[in-house]
Structure formats: C-alpha cells, structure tokens
Amino acid sequence: MYGSHTPKNDFNKFNNYTLFIVRACQGNICFFNKNNNLVYGKHLKELIKRGVAMKILFYKVPSYIHRVKYKKAVEDLYKTVISDDKFENQTS
C-alpha cells in the first residue's frame, strides 16, 4: 500500500529500498522517461543531492527485506543442466 508524501514526512527516515513515485519537473529527461516514475530511495537520495527538480507523490516502505547470496545463485544457475545436448549447455 502506498502512502501519500507530505512535508511532515522526513525523507531521511526512509531506507534505500523504499519505493517512491515521483513527478519529474520540466526538463528532467536525463533520468526520468515519463511524467510519473518509480524510483528507489537509494537513487532518489543521489538525485536530490544533485539538485534534480522533482516532486515526491507517494512512497511504499517494504514490509520485509531478504538477504540474498547473488554469487551463489548465479553459480548454481550456471551449473544447472538445461538439456542433454552438450552444445545447449555451454556457458560461453
């Protein structure tokens, strides 16, 4: 569920995984490709530091965050046998 962003909300209390819907102000097409965009807090903090003009409309705080071992997941994926054909199982 999204919450409305108001001036009472302190942006710094949100974490890097908070998802924001922001409205791009005129002329900010280098990062935004639509009028309303989804941006994670990690990127939003950097955009604010750089002085990018935008308006925060809504936010969504994750209910839980799972730690993932991406290196192991990728290694397991490459070890997975897809086919009996040796050519189809090549990794490079």
PDB file of N, CA and C in Angstrom:
ATOM      1  N   MET A   1       0.840  -1.171   0.000  1.00  0.00           N
ATOM      2  CA  MET A   1       0.000   0.000   0.000  1.00  0.00           C
ATOM      3  C   MET A   1       0.889   1.239   0.000  1.00  0.00           C
ATOM      4  N   TYR A   2       0.578   2.159  -0.856  1.00  0.00           N
ATOM      5  CA  TYR A   2       1.347   3.396  -0.952  1.00  0.00           C
ATOM      6  C   TYR A   2       0.814   4.430   0.025  1.00  0.00           C
ATOM      7  N   GLY A   3       1.726   5.236   0.559  1.00  0.00           N
ATOM      8  CA  GLY A   3       1.354   6.346   1.414  1.00  0.00           C
ATOM      9  C   GLY A   3       1.610   7.646   0.692  1.00  0.00           C
ATOM     10  N   SER A   4       0.788   8.641   0.970  1.00  0.00           N
ATOM     11  CA  SER A   4       0.994   9.959   0.365  1.00  0.00           C
ATOM     12  C   SER A   4       2.166  10.641   1.032  1.00  0.00           C
ATOM     13  N   HIS A   5       2.984  11.276   0.244  1.00  0.00           N
ATOM     14  CA  HIS A   5       4.123  12.007   0.792  1.00  0.00           C
ATOM     15  C   HIS A   5       3.677  13.414   1.155  1.00  0.00           C
ATOM     16  N   THR A   6       3.955  13.821   2.380  1.00  0.00           N
ATOM     17  CA  THR A   6       3.623  15.171   2.840  1.00  0.00           C
ATOM     18  C   THR A   6       4.898  15.814   3.367  1.00  0.00           C
ATOM     19  N   PRO A   7       4.918  17.128   3.508  1.00  0.00           N
ATOM     20  CA  PRO A   7       6.112  17.788   4.066  1.00  0.00           C
ATOM     21  C   PRO A   7       6.480  17.291   5.465  1.00  0.00           C
ATOM     22  N   LYS A   8       5.508  16.702   6.198  1.00  0.00           N
ATOM     23  CA  LYS A   8       5.792  16.179   7.538  1.00  0.00           C
ATOM     24  C   LYS A   8       6.684  14.939   7.488  1.00  0.00           C
ATOM     25  N   ASN A   9       6.627  14.197   6.357  1.00  0.00           N
ATOM     26  CA  ASN A   9       7.460  13.004   6.219  1.00  0.00           C
ATOM     27  C   ASN A   9       8.911  13.412   6.030  1.00  0.00           C
ATOM     28  N   ASP A  10       9.782  12.911   6.892  1.00  0.00           N
ATOM     29  CA  ASP A  10      11.210  13.195   6.756  1.00  0.00           C
ATOM     30  C   ASP A  10      11.806  12.191   5.773  1.00  0.00           C
ATOM     31  N   PHE A  11      12.263  12.689   4.639  1.00  0.00           N
ATOM     32  CA  PHE A  11      12.808  11.815   3.601  1.00  0.00           C
ATOM     33  C   PHE A  11      13.960  10.966   4.126  1.00  0.00           C
ATOM     34  N   ASN A  12      14.772  11.493   5.023  1.00  0.00           N
ATOM     35  CA  ASN A  12      15.950  10.781   5.516  1.00  0.00           C
ATOM     36  C   ASN A  12      15.610   9.570   6.372  1.00  0.00           C
ATOM     37  N   LYS A  13      14.371   9.459   6.839  1.00  0.00           N
ATOM     38  CA  LYS A  13      13.974   8.299   7.643  1.00  0.00           C
ATOM     39  C   LYS A  13      13.672   7.077   6.783  1.00  0.00           C
ATOM     40  N   PHE A  14      13.491   7.270   5.483  1.00  0.00           N
ATOM     41  CA  PHE A  14      13.222   6.155   4.588  1.00  0.00           C
ATOM     42  C   PHE A  14      14.525   5.457   4.232  1.00  0.00           C
ATOM     43  N   ASN A  15      14.436   4.143   3.951  1.00  0.00           N
ATOM     44  CA  ASN A  15      15.655   3.406   3.622  1.00  0.00           C
ATOM     45  C   ASN A  15      15.875   3.346   2.108  1.00  0.00           C
ATOM     46  N   ASN A  16      16.960   2.739   1.715  1.00  0.00           N
ATOM     47  CA  ASN A  16      17.323   2.643   0.295  1.00  0.00           C
ATOM     48  C   ASN A  16      16.332   1.827  -0.518  1.00  0.00           C
ATOM     49  N   TYR A  17      15.556   0.966   0.140  1.00  0.00           N
ATOM     50  CA  TYR A  17      14.627   0.083  -0.559  1.00  0.00           C
ATOM     51  C   TYR A  17      13.206   0.641  -0.606  1.00  0.00           C
ATOM     52  N   THR A  18      12.991   1.806  -0.042  1.00  0.00           N
ATOM     53  CA  THR A  18      11.680   2.440  -0.137  1.00  0.00           C
ATOM     54  C   THR A  18      11.451   2.838  -1.592  1.00  0.00           C
ATOM     55  N   LEU A  19      10.270   2.524  -2.090  1.00  0.00           N
ATOM     56  CA  LEU A  19       9.934   2.821  -3.480  1.00  0.00           C
ATOM     57  C   LEU A  19       9.095   4.097  -3.522  1.00  0.00           C
ATOM     58  N   PHE A  20       9.492   5.033  -4.358  1.00  0.00           N
ATOM     59  CA  PHE A  20       8.810   6.316  -4.465  1.00  0.00           C
ATOM     60  C   PHE A  20       8.214   6.485  -5.850  1.00  0.00           C
ATOM     61  N   ILE A  21       7.081   7.158  -5.913  1.00  0.00           N
ATOM     62  CA  ILE A  21       6.545   7.635  -7.183  1.00  0.00           C
ATOM     63  C   ILE A  21       6.801   9.128  -7.189  1.00  0.00           C
ATOM     64  N   VAL A  22       7.572   9.571  -8.162  1.00  0.00           N
ATOM     65  CA  VAL A  22       7.931  10.989  -8.244  1.00  0.00           C
ATOM     66  C   VAL A  22       7.460  11.560  -9.578  1.00  0.00           C
ATOM     67  N   ARG A  23       7.140  12.837  -9.554  1.00  0.00           N
ATOM     68  CA  ARG A  23       6.768  13.546 -10.781  1.00  0.00           C
ATOM     69  C   ARG A  23       7.959  14.372 -11.229  1.00  0.00           C
ATOM     70  N   ALA A  24       8.389  14.110 -12.435  1.00  0.00           N
ATOM     71  CA  ALA A  24       9.534  14.837 -12.985  1.00  0.00           C
ATOM     72  C   ALA A  24       9.095  16.239 -13.362  1.00  0.00           C
ATOM     73  N   CYS A  25       9.899  17.198 -13.004  1.00  0.00           N
ATOM     74  CA  CYS A  25       9.639  18.571 -13.416  1.00  0.00           C
ATOM     75  C   CYS A  25      10.155  18.763 -14.829  1.00  0.00           C
ATOM     76  N   GLN A  26       9.692  19.769 -15.481  1.00  0.00           N
ATOM     77  CA  GLN A  26      10.019  20.009 -16.880  1.00  0.00           C
ATOM     78  C   GLN A  26      11.533  20.068 -17.103  1.00  0.00           C
ATOM     79  N   GLY A  27      11.983  19.350 -18.100  1.00  0.00           N
ATOM     80  CA  GLY A  27      13.388  19.393 -18.476  1.00  0.00           C
ATOM     81  C   GLY A  27      14.254  18.317 -17.843  1.00  0.00           C
ATOM     82  N   ASN A  28      13.703  17.466 -16.979  1.00  0.00           N
ATOM     83  CA  ASN A  28      14.494  16.405 -16.345  1.00  0.00           C
ATOM     84  C   ASN A  28      14.302  15.086 -17.078  1.00  0.00           C
ATOM     85  N   ILE A  29      14.810  15.005 -18.292  1.00  0.00           N
ATOM     86  CA  ILE A  29      14.636  13.781 -19.071  1.00  0.00           C
ATOM     87  C   ILE A  29      15.880  12.903 -19.041  1.00  0.00           C
ATOM     88  N   CYS A  30      16.935  13.351 -18.374  1.00  0.00           N
ATOM     89  CA  CYS A  30      18.161  12.544 -18.351  1.00  0.00           C
ATOM     90  C   CYS A  30      17.980  11.295 -17.496  1.00  0.00           C
ATOM     91  N   PHE A  31      17.174  11.347 -16.439  1.00  0.00           N
ATOM     92  CA  PHE A  31      16.937  10.168 -15.608  1.00  0.00           C
ATOM     93  C   PHE A  31      15.507   9.671 -15.775  1.00  0.00           C
ATOM     94  N   PHE A  32      14.560  10.579 -15.897  1.00  0.00           N
ATOM     95  CA  PHE A  32      13.153  10.204 -15.980  1.00  0.00           C
ATOM     96  C   PHE A  32      12.706  10.118 -17.433  1.00  0.00           C
ATOM     97  N   ASN A  33      11.912   9.091 -17.760  1.00  0.00           N
ATOM     98  CA  ASN A  33      11.419   8.962 -19.125  1.00  0.00           C
ATOM     99  C   ASN A  33       9.904   9.154 -19.216  1.00  0.00           C
ATOM    100  N   LYS A  34       9.245   9.444 -18.083  1.00  0.00           N
ATOM    101  CA  LYS A  34       7.802   9.683 -18.053  1.00  0.00           C
ATOM    102  C   LYS A  34       7.527  10.819 -17.078  1.00  0.00           C
ATOM    103  N   ASN A  35       6.284  11.254 -17.025  1.00  0.00           N
ATOM    104  CA  ASN A  35       5.923  12.288 -16.042  1.00  0.00           C
ATOM    105  C   ASN A  35       6.019  11.745 -14.621  1.00  0.00           C
ATOM    106  N   ASN A  36       5.411  10.573 -14.372  1.00  0.00           N
ATOM    107  CA  ASN A  36       5.469   9.929 -13.060  1.00  0.00           C
ATOM    108  C   ASN A  36       6.349   8.693 -13.165  1.00  0.00           C
ATOM    109  N   ASN A  37       7.307   8.547 -12.236  1.00  0.00           N
ATOM    110  CA  ASN A  37       8.307   7.487 -12.315  1.00  0.00           C
ATOM    111  C   ASN A  37       8.478   6.787 -10.986  1.00  0.00           C
ATOM    112  N   LEU A  38       8.866   5.514 -11.039  1.00  0.00           N
ATOM    113  CA  LEU A  38       9.209   4.751  -9.843  1.00  0.00           C
ATOM    114  C   LEU A  38      10.708   4.886  -9.598  1.00  0.00           C
ATOM    115  N   VAL A  39      11.079   5.237  -8.366  1.00  0.00           N
ATOM    116  CA  VAL A  39      12.487   5.420  -8.021  1.00  0.00           C
ATOM    117  C   VAL A  39      12.711   4.844  -6.625  1.00  0.00           C
ATOM    118  N   TYR A  40      13.766   4.043  -6.469  1.00  0.00           N
ATOM    119  CA  TYR A  40      14.133   3.556  -5.141  1.00  0.00           C
ATOM    120  C   TYR A  40      14.848   4.651  -4.362  1.00  0.00           C
ATOM    121  N   GLY A  41      14.720   4.571  -3.040  1.00  0.00           N
ATOM    122  CA  GLY A  41      15.301   5.579  -2.155  1.00  0.00           C
ATOM    123  C   GLY A  41      16.784   5.796  -2.381  1.00  0.00           C
ATOM    124  N   LYS A  42      17.506   4.733  -2.675  1.00  0.00           N
ATOM    125  CA  LYS A  42      18.947   4.844  -2.908  1.00  0.00           C
ATOM    126  C   LYS A  42      19.242   5.823  -4.038  1.00  0.00           C
ATOM    127  N   HIS A  43      18.496   5.709  -5.127  1.00  0.00           N
ATOM    128  CA  HIS A  43      18.713   6.589  -6.280  1.00  0.00           C
ATOM    129  C   HIS A  43      18.116   7.975  -6.041  1.00  0.00           C
ATOM    130  N   LEU A  44      16.998   8.008  -5.331  1.00  0.00           N
ATOM    131  CA  LEU A  44      16.355   9.290  -5.064  1.00  0.00           C
ATOM    132  C   LEU A  44      17.245  10.200  -4.224  1.00  0.00           C
ATOM    133  N   LYS A  45      17.923   9.632  -3.244  1.00  0.00           N
ATOM    134  CA  LYS A  45      18.837  10.417  -2.408  1.00  0.00           C
ATOM    135  C   LYS A  45      19.939  11.056  -3.254  1.00  0.00           C
ATOM    136  N   GLU A  46      20.453  10.304  -4.204  1.00  0.00           N
ATOM    137  CA  GLU A  46      21.512  10.838  -5.084  1.00  0.00           C
ATOM    138  C   GLU A  46      20.970  11.932  -5.991  1.00  0.00           C
ATOM    139  N   LEU A  47      19.764  11.741  -6.504  1.00  0.00           N
ATOM    140  CA  LEU A  47      19.159  12.763  -7.354  1.00  0.00           C
ATOM    141  C   LEU A  47      18.916  14.053  -6.588  1.00  0.00           C
ATOM    142  N   ILE A  48      18.495  13.939  -5.342  1.00  0.00           N
ATOM    143  CA  ILE A  48      18.265  15.126  -4.513  1.00  0.00           C
ATOM    144  C   ILE A  48      19.585  15.844  -4.255  1.00  0.00           C
ATOM    145  N   LYS A  49      20.656  15.080  -3.990  1.00  0.00           N
ATOM    146  CA  LYS A  49      21.977  15.694  -3.790  1.00  0.00           C
ATOM    147  C   LYS A  49      22.419  16.480  -5.018  1.00  0.00           C
ATOM    148  N   ARG A  50      22.068  15.977  -6.197  1.00  0.00           N
ATOM    149  CA  ARG A  50      22.470  16.632  -7.450  1.00  0.00           C
ATOM    150  C   ARG A  50      21.536  17.769  -7.853  1.00  0.00           C
ATOM    151  N   GLY A  51      20.508  18.003  -7.059  1.00  0.00           N
ATOM    152  CA  GLY A  51      19.602  19.119  -7.320  1.00  0.00           C
ATOM    153  C   GLY A  51      18.605  18.892  -8.436  1.00  0.00           C
ATOM    154  N   VAL A  52      18.269  17.626  -8.712  1.00  0.00           N
ATOM    155  CA  VAL A  52      17.288  17.327  -9.758  1.00  0.00           C
ATOM    156  C   VAL A  52      15.904  17.745  -9.260  1.00  0.00           C
ATOM    157  N   ALA A  53      15.198  18.520 -10.063  1.00  0.00           N
ATOM    158  CA  ALA A  53      13.877  19.026  -9.679  1.00  0.00           C
ATOM    159  C   ALA A  53      12.816  17.958  -9.904  1.00  0.00           C
ATOM    160  N   MET A  54      12.124  17.586  -8.818  1.00  0.00           N
ATOM    161  CA  MET A  54      11.056  16.595  -8.886  1.00  0.00           C
ATOM    162  C   MET A  54      10.162  16.762  -7.667  1.00  0.00           C
ATOM    163  N   LYS A  55       9.000  16.151  -7.736  1.00  0.00           N
ATOM    164  CA  LYS A  55       8.054  16.204  -6.628  1.00  0.00           C
ATOM    165  C   LYS A  55       7.740  14.776  -6.214  1.00  0.00           C
ATOM    166  N   ILE A  56       7.908  14.452  -4.930  1.00  0.00           N
ATOM    167  CA  ILE A  56       7.598  13.115  -4.422  1.00  0.00           C
ATOM    168  C   ILE A  56       6.092  13.056  -4.188  1.00  0.00           C
ATOM    169  N   LEU A  57       5.421  12.104  -4.844  1.00  0.00           N
ATOM    170  CA  LEU A  57       3.975  11.976  -4.718  1.00  0.00           C
ATOM    171  C   LEU A  57       3.581  10.929  -3.680  1.00  0.00           C
ATOM    172  N   PHE A  58       4.144   9.730  -3.820  1.00  0.00           N
ATOM    173  CA  PHE A  58       3.798   8.617  -2.939  1.00  0.00           C
ATOM    174  C   PHE A  58       5.043   7.819  -2.610  1.00  0.00           C
ATOM    175  N   TYR A  59       4.951   6.990  -1.575  1.00  0.00           N
ATOM    176  CA  TYR A  59       6.057   6.108  -1.219  1.00  0.00           C
ATOM    177  C   TYR A  59       5.505   4.789  -0.716  1.00  0.00           C
ATOM    178  N   LYS A  60       6.330   3.759  -0.780  1.00  0.00           N
ATOM    179  CA  LYS A  60       5.967   2.431  -0.283  1.00  0.00           C
ATOM    180  C   LYS A  60       7.181   1.841   0.420  1.00  0.00           C
ATOM    181  N   VAL A  61       7.036   1.576   1.702  1.00  0.00           N
ATOM    182  CA  VAL A  61       8.118   1.003   2.502  1.00  0.00           C
ATOM    183  C   VAL A  61       7.995  -0.519   2.431  1.00  0.00           C
ATOM    184  N   PRO A  62       9.084  -1.236   2.160  1.00  0.00           N
ATOM    185  CA  PRO A  62       8.997  -2.699   2.084  1.00  0.00           C
ATOM    186  C   PRO A  62       8.629  -3.297   3.441  1.00  0.00           C
ATOM    187  N   SER A  63       7.784  -4.332   3.407  1.00  0.00           N
ATOM    188  CA  SER A  63       7.375  -4.974   4.658  1.00  0.00           C
ATOM    189  C   SER A  63       8.465  -5.892   5.198  1.00  0.00           C
ATOM    190  N   TYR A  64       9.309  -6.401   4.326  1.00  0.00           N
ATOM    191  CA  TYR A  64      10.456  -7.206   4.757  1.00  0.00           C
ATOM    192  C   TYR A  64      11.519  -7.169   3.671  1.00  0.00           C
ATOM    193  N   ILE A  65      12.742  -7.395   4.072  1.00  0.00           N
ATOM    194  CA  ILE A  65      13.868  -7.407   3.145  1.00  0.00           C
ATOM    195  C   ILE A  65      14.631  -8.704   3.377  1.00  0.00           C
ATOM    196  N   HIS A  66      14.852  -9.449   2.307  1.00  0.00           N
ATOM    197  CA  HIS A  66      15.601 -10.702   2.397  1.00  0.00           C
ATOM    198  C   HIS A  66      17.028 -10.488   1.912  1.00  0.00           C
ATOM    199  N   ARG A  67      17.976 -11.021   2.624  1.00  0.00           N
ATOM    200  CA  ARG A  67      19.370 -11.018   2.168  1.00  0.00           C
ATOM    201  C   ARG A  67      19.525 -12.158   1.172  1.00  0.00           C
ATOM    202  N   VAL A  68      20.152 -11.883   0.054  1.00  0.00           N
ATOM    203  CA  VAL A  68      20.318 -12.878  -0.999  1.00  0.00           C
ATOM    204  C   VAL A  68      21.797 -13.002  -1.324  1.00  0.00           C
ATOM    205  N   LYS A  69      22.244 -14.241  -1.460  1.00  0.00           N
ATOM    206  CA  LYS A  69      23.627 -14.504  -1.866  1.00  0.00           C
ATOM    207  C   LYS A  69      23.621 -14.646  -3.388  1.00  0.00           C
ATOM    208  N   TYR A  70      23.779 -13.509  -4.071  1.00  0.00           N
ATOM    209  CA  TYR A  70      23.662 -13.486  -5.526  1.00  0.00           C
ATOM    210  C   TYR A  70      24.749 -14.301  -6.207  1.00  0.00           C
ATOM    211  N   LYS A  71      25.953 -14.276  -5.676  1.00  0.00           N
ATOM    212  CA  LYS A  71      27.047 -15.024  -6.290  1.00  0.00           C
ATOM    213  C   LYS A  71      26.717 -16.514  -6.321  1.00  0.00           C
ATOM    214  N   LYS A  72      26.203 -17.034  -5.216  1.00  0.00           N
ATOM    215  CA  LYS A  72      25.841 -18.453  -5.152  1.00  0.00           C
ATOM    216  C   LYS A  72      24.687 -18.761  -6.100  1.00  0.00           C
ATOM    217  N   ALA A  73      23.715 -17.882  -6.179  1.00  0.00           N
ATOM    218  CA  ALA A  73      22.572 -18.097  -7.072  1.00  0.00           C
ATOM    219  C   ALA A  73      23.016 -18.161  -8.531  1.00  0.00           C
ATOM    220  N   VAL A  74      23.922 -17.286  -8.923  1.00  0.00           N
ATOM    221  CA  VAL A  74      24.417 -17.276 -10.307  1.00  0.00           C
ATOM    222  C   VAL A  74      25.248 -18.527 -10.570  1.00  0.00           C
ATOM    223  N   GLU A  75      26.088 -18.923  -9.614  1.00  0.00           N
ATOM    224  CA  GLU A  75      26.891 -20.132  -9.782  1.00  0.00           C
ATOM    225  C   GLU A  75      25.994 -21.356  -9.930  1.00  0.00           C
ATOM    226  N   ASP A  76      24.943 -21.443  -9.108  1.00  0.00           N
ATOM    227  CA  ASP A  76      24.011 -22.565  -9.206  1.00  0.00           C
ATOM    228  C   ASP A  76      23.297 -22.566 -10.556  1.00  0.00           C
ATOM    229  N   LEU A  77      22.969 -21.385 -11.046  1.00  0.00           N
ATOM    230  CA  LEU A  77      22.300 -21.279 -12.337  1.00  0.00           C
ATOM    231  C   LEU A  77      23.189 -21.804 -13.457  1.00  0.00           C
ATOM    232  N   TYR A  78      24.478 -21.443 -13.432  1.00  0.00           N
ATOM    233  CA  TYR A  78      25.391 -21.905 -14.476  1.00  0.00           C
ATOM    234  C   TYR A  78      25.658 -23.402 -14.375  1.00  0.00           C
ATOM    235  N   LYS A  79      25.507 -23.990 -13.196  1.00  0.00           N
ATOM    236  CA  LYS A  79      25.710 -25.433 -13.023  1.00  0.00           C
ATOM    237  C   LYS A  79      24.481 -26.240 -13.452  1.00  0.00           C
ATOM    238  N   THR A  80      23.343 -25.579 -13.622  1.00  0.00           N
ATOM    239  CA  THR A  80      22.108 -26.271 -13.958  1.00  0.00           C
ATOM    240  C   THR A  80      22.175 -26.846 -15.368  1.00  0.00           C
ATOM    241  N   VAL A  81      21.795 -28.107 -15.492  1.00  0.00           N
ATOM    242  CA  VAL A  81      21.761 -28.781 -16.788  1.00  0.00           C
ATOM    243  C   VAL A  81      20.433 -28.443 -17.448  1.00  0.00           C
ATOM    244  N   ILE A  82      20.515 -27.835 -18.634  1.00  0.00           N
ATOM    245  CA  ILE A  82      19.316 -27.422 -19.344  1.00  0.00           C
ATOM    246  C   ILE A  82      18.855 -28.501 -20.317  1.00  0.00           C
ATOM    247  N   SER A  83      19.820 -29.185 -20.914  1.00  0.00           N
ATOM    248  CA  SER A  83      19.499 -30.147 -21.960  1.00  0.00           C
ATOM    249  C   SER A  83      20.529 -31.271 -21.960  1.00  0.00           C
ATOM    250  N   ASP A  84      20.165 -32.371 -22.591  1.00  0.00           N
ATOM    251  CA  ASP A  84      21.119 -33.468 -22.768  1.00  0.00           C
ATOM    252  C   ASP A  84      22.137 -33.134 -23.857  1.00  0.00           C
ATOM    253  N   ASP A  85      21.826 -32.154 -24.679  1.00  0.00           N
ATOM    254  CA  ASP A  85      22.718 -31.722 -25.759  1.00  0.00           C
ATOM    255  C   ASP A  85      23.844 -30.879 -25.156  1.00  0.00           C
ATOM    256  N   LYS A  86      25.080 -31.304 -25.330  1.00  0.00           N
ATOM    257  CA  LYS A  86      26.232 -30.620 -24.774  1.00  0.00           C
ATOM    258  C   LYS A  86      26.348 -29.176 -25.296  1.00  0.00           C
ATOM    259  N   PHE A  87      26.005 -28.959 -26.561  1.00  0.00           N
ATOM    260  CA  PHE A  87      26.078 -27.621 -27.173  1.00  0.00           C
ATOM    261  C   PHE A  87      25.122 -26.647 -26.485  1.00  0.00           C
ATOM    262  N   GLU A  88      23.938 -27.082 -26.111  1.00  0.00           N
ATOM    263  CA  GLU A  88      22.964 -26.203 -25.456  1.00  0.00           C
ATOM    264  C   GLU A  88      23.340 -25.862 -24.025  1.00  0.00           C
ATOM    265  N   ASN A  89      24.211 -26.635 -23.415  1.00  0.00           N
ATOM    266  CA  ASN A  89      24.618 -26.389 -22.026  1.00  0.00           C
ATOM    267  C   ASN A  89      25.877 -25.549 -21.902  1.00  0.00           C
ATOM    268  N   GLN A  90      26.414 -25.064 -23.008  1.00  0.00           N
ATOM    269  CA  GLN A  90      27.622 -24.253 -22.944  1.00  0.00           C
ATOM    270  C   GLN A  90      27.341 -22.947 -22.228  1.00  0.00           C
ATOM    271  N   THR A  91      28.301 -22.510 -21.404  1.00  0.00           N
ATOM    272  CA  THR A  91      28.128 -21.251 -20.670  1.00  0.00           C
ATOM    273  C   THR A  91      28.749 -20.070 -21.398  1.00  0.00           C
ATOM    274  N   SER A  92      29.535 -20.299 -22.405  1.00  0.00           N
ATOM    275  CA  SER A  92      30.106 -19.166 -23.150  1.00  0.00           C
ATOM    276  C   SER A  92      30.164 -19.463 -24.620  1.00  0.00           C
TER     277      SER A  92
END
